[in-house]
Amino acid sequence: MNDAVRAAIGQVVDPQLGRTLEELDAVRAVTVDKGRAVVAVSVADPDYPYGDRLTAAIEEAARSVAGID
């Protein structure tokens, strides 16, 4: 299931750069346990202005995977 979640969030587009997280090699880690996914993503800018938007898109993508709450 980790691979399915990684694939789903990899398709999320970074709102600042207009490229997918996969293209940016931004997905650092994915773990799934009992229907809960924990994802680590890196962004280049420490003052990243779209954090809330990116987080919401990642959560939506992860929840699109069967078995993720």
N, C-alpha and C. Protein backbone atom coordinates (compact mmCIF):
# COMPACT_ATOMS: atom_id res chain seq x y z
N MET A 1 0.82 -1.19 0.00
CA MET A 1 0.00 0.00 0.00
C MET A 1 0.87 1.26 0.00
N ASN A 2 2.07 1.17 0.57
CA ASN A 2 2.98 2.32 0.55
C ASN A 2 3.22 2.81 -0.87
N ASP A 3 3.42 1.86 -1.79
CA ASP A 3 3.68 2.23 -3.19
C ASP A 3 2.48 2.92 -3.81
N ALA A 4 1.28 2.47 -3.48
CA ALA A 4 0.07 3.09 -4.02
C ALA A 4 -0.09 4.52 -3.51
N VAL A 5 0.19 4.72 -2.23
CA VAL A 5 0.11 6.07 -1.67
C VAL A 5 1.18 6.95 -2.28
N ARG A 6 2.39 6.43 -2.40
CA ARG A 6 3.49 7.20 -3.00
C ARG A 6 3.13 7.60 -4.44
N ALA A 7 2.55 6.69 -5.19
CA ALA A 7 2.17 6.99 -6.57
C ALA A 7 1.09 8.07 -6.62
N ALA A 8 0.12 7.98 -5.71
CA ALA A 8 -0.97 8.96 -5.70
C ALA A 8 -0.46 10.35 -5.34
N ILE A 9 0.35 10.44 -4.29
CA ILE A 9 0.82 11.77 -3.90
C ILE A 9 1.89 12.29 -4.86
N GLY A 10 2.53 11.38 -5.56
CA GLY A 10 3.51 11.81 -6.55
C GLY A 10 2.89 12.61 -7.68
N GLN A 11 1.59 12.43 -7.89
CA GLN A 11 0.88 13.16 -8.95
C GLN A 11 0.38 14.53 -8.50
N VAL A 12 0.51 14.84 -7.22
CA VAL A 12 0.11 16.16 -6.72
C VAL A 12 1.03 17.21 -7.33
N VAL A 13 0.43 18.30 -7.79
CA VAL A 13 1.21 19.37 -8.41
C VAL A 13 1.55 20.42 -7.35
N ASP A 14 2.82 20.74 -7.26
CA ASP A 14 3.28 21.80 -6.36
C ASP A 14 2.69 23.12 -6.88
N PRO A 15 1.88 23.81 -6.06
CA PRO A 15 1.23 25.03 -6.54
C PRO A 15 2.20 26.18 -6.85
N GLN A 16 3.36 26.15 -6.27
CA GLN A 16 4.33 27.21 -6.52
C GLN A 16 5.13 26.95 -7.80
N LEU A 17 5.50 25.69 -8.03
CA LEU A 17 6.38 25.36 -9.15
C LEU A 17 5.67 24.78 -10.37
N GLY A 18 4.42 24.33 -10.18
CA GLY A 18 3.66 23.80 -11.30
C GLY A 18 4.15 22.46 -11.81
N ARG A 19 4.87 21.73 -10.98
CA ARG A 19 5.38 20.40 -11.33
C ARG A 19 4.91 19.41 -10.28
N THR A 20 4.83 18.13 -10.65
CA THR A 20 4.37 17.13 -9.69
C THR A 20 5.45 16.87 -8.64
N LEU A 21 5.01 16.36 -7.51
CA LEU A 21 5.96 16.00 -6.46
C LEU A 21 6.90 14.91 -6.94
N GLU A 22 6.42 14.04 -7.81
CA GLU A 22 7.29 13.00 -8.38
C GLU A 22 8.38 13.65 -9.24
N GLU A 23 8.00 14.58 -10.09
CA GLU A 23 8.99 15.26 -10.94
C GLU A 23 10.03 15.99 -10.11
N LEU A 24 9.58 16.53 -8.99
CA LEU A 24 10.48 17.29 -8.11
C LEU A 24 11.27 16.39 -7.17
N ASP A 25 10.98 15.08 -7.18
CA ASP A 25 11.62 14.14 -6.26
C ASP A 25 11.46 14.61 -4.82
N ALA A 26 10.24 15.08 -4.51
CA ALA A 26 9.98 15.71 -3.22
C ALA A 26 9.43 14.75 -2.17
N VAL A 27 8.98 13.56 -2.57
CA VAL A 27 8.43 12.61 -1.60
C VAL A 27 9.59 11.88 -0.95
N ARG A 28 9.78 12.12 0.33
CA ARG A 28 10.91 11.54 1.05
C ARG A 28 10.58 10.21 1.70
N ALA A 29 9.37 10.07 2.23
CA ALA A 29 9.01 8.82 2.91
C ALA A 29 7.50 8.67 2.95
N VAL A 30 7.06 7.42 2.91
CA VAL A 30 5.64 7.08 3.06
C VAL A 30 5.57 5.84 3.93
N THR A 31 4.78 5.92 4.98
CA THR A 31 4.50 4.73 5.80
C THR A 31 2.99 4.64 5.98
N VAL A 32 2.51 3.41 5.98
CA VAL A 32 1.08 3.17 6.16
C VAL A 32 0.92 2.17 7.29
N ASP A 33 0.02 2.50 8.21
CA ASP A 33 -0.26 1.60 9.33
C ASP A 33 -1.72 1.74 9.71
N LYS A 34 -2.45 0.63 9.64
CA LYS A 34 -3.86 0.59 10.05
C LYS A 34 -4.69 1.68 9.38
N GLY A 35 -4.52 1.84 8.08
CA GLY A 35 -5.33 2.80 7.34
C GLY A 35 -4.90 4.24 7.44
N ARG A 36 -3.77 4.46 8.09
CA ARG A 36 -3.26 5.83 8.24
C ARG A 36 -1.93 5.95 7.51
N ALA A 37 -1.84 6.96 6.66
CA ALA A 37 -0.60 7.20 5.92
C ALA A 37 0.13 8.38 6.54
N VAL A 38 1.43 8.22 6.69
CA VAL A 38 2.29 9.32 7.14
C VAL A 38 3.27 9.58 6.00
N VAL A 39 3.32 10.83 5.57
CA VAL A 39 4.09 11.20 4.39
C VAL A 39 5.08 12.30 4.75
N ALA A 40 6.30 12.17 4.28
CA ALA A 40 7.30 13.23 4.43
C ALA A 40 7.61 13.78 3.04
N VAL A 41 7.45 15.09 2.90
CA VAL A 41 7.68 15.77 1.63
C VAL A 41 8.61 16.94 1.89
N SER A 42 9.53 17.16 0.97
CA SER A 42 10.43 18.30 1.13
C SER A 42 10.05 19.40 0.14
N VAL A 43 10.23 20.63 0.58
CA VAL A 43 10.05 21.79 -0.28
C VAL A 43 11.34 22.60 -0.22
N ALA A 44 11.66 23.25 -1.32
CA ALA A 44 12.94 23.95 -1.42
C ALA A 44 12.98 25.25 -0.63
N ASP A 45 11.83 25.87 -0.45
CA ASP A 45 11.77 27.19 0.18
C ASP A 45 11.35 27.07 1.64
N PRO A 46 12.19 27.48 2.60
CA PRO A 46 11.79 27.39 4.01
C PRO A 46 10.59 28.28 4.34
N ASP A 47 10.33 29.28 3.53
CA ASP A 47 9.16 30.15 3.71
C ASP A 47 8.08 29.81 2.69
N TYR A 48 7.94 28.54 2.38
CA TYR A 48 7.00 28.07 1.35
C TYR A 48 5.61 28.63 1.59
N PRO A 49 5.08 29.40 0.64
CA PRO A 49 3.82 30.10 0.87
C PRO A 49 2.55 29.26 0.65
N TYR A 50 2.68 28.05 0.14
CA TYR A 50 1.50 27.25 -0.19
C TYR A 50 1.38 25.99 0.66
N GLY A 51 1.93 26.02 1.85
CA GLY A 51 1.94 24.83 2.70
C GLY A 51 0.57 24.24 2.95
N ASP A 52 -0.40 25.08 3.29
CA ASP A 52 -1.74 24.57 3.57
C ASP A 52 -2.37 23.94 2.34
N ARG A 53 -2.19 24.59 1.20
CA ARG A 53 -2.75 24.07 -0.05
C ARG A 53 -2.10 22.74 -0.44
N LEU A 54 -0.79 22.67 -0.30
CA LEU A 54 -0.08 21.45 -0.65
C LEU A 54 -0.46 20.31 0.30
N THR A 55 -0.55 20.62 1.58
CA THR A 55 -0.95 19.60 2.57
C THR A 55 -2.33 19.05 2.25
N ALA A 56 -3.28 19.93 1.93
CA ALA A 56 -4.64 19.49 1.61
C ALA A 56 -4.64 18.60 0.36
N ALA A 57 -3.87 18.95 -0.64
CA ALA A 57 -3.80 18.15 -1.87
C ALA A 57 -3.18 16.79 -1.60
N ILE A 58 -2.15 16.75 -0.76
CA ILE A 58 -1.51 15.48 -0.41
C ILE A 58 -2.48 14.60 0.36
N GLU A 59 -3.20 15.17 1.32
CA GLU A 59 -4.18 14.41 2.10
C GLU A 59 -5.26 13.84 1.19
N GLU A 60 -5.75 14.65 0.27
CA GLU A 60 -6.78 14.19 -0.67
C GLU A 60 -6.26 13.05 -1.54
N ALA A 61 -5.05 13.19 -2.03
CA ALA A 61 -4.47 12.14 -2.87
C ALA A 61 -4.28 10.85 -2.09
N ALA A 62 -3.79 10.95 -0.86
CA ALA A 62 -3.58 9.75 -0.04
C ALA A 62 -4.90 9.06 0.25
N ARG A 63 -5.93 9.85 0.55
CA ARG A 63 -7.25 9.27 0.86
C ARG A 63 -7.92 8.65 -0.36
N SER A 64 -7.43 8.96 -1.55
CA SER A 64 -8.00 8.36 -2.76
C SER A 64 -7.57 6.90 -2.91
N VAL A 65 -6.59 6.48 -2.13
CA VAL A 65 -6.11 5.10 -2.17
C VAL A 65 -7.01 4.24 -1.28
N ALA A 66 -7.50 3.15 -1.83
CA ALA A 66 -8.36 2.24 -1.06
C ALA A 66 -7.65 1.78 0.21
N GLY A 67 -8.36 1.90 1.33
CA GLY A 67 -7.81 1.45 2.60
C GLY A 67 -7.20 2.56 3.44
N ILE A 68 -7.09 3.75 2.87
CA ILE A 68 -6.56 4.89 3.63
C ILE A 68 -7.72 5.72 4.13
N ASP A 69 -7.71 5.99 5.42
CA ASP A 69 -8.78 6.79 6.03
C ASP A 69 -8.45 8.22 5.84
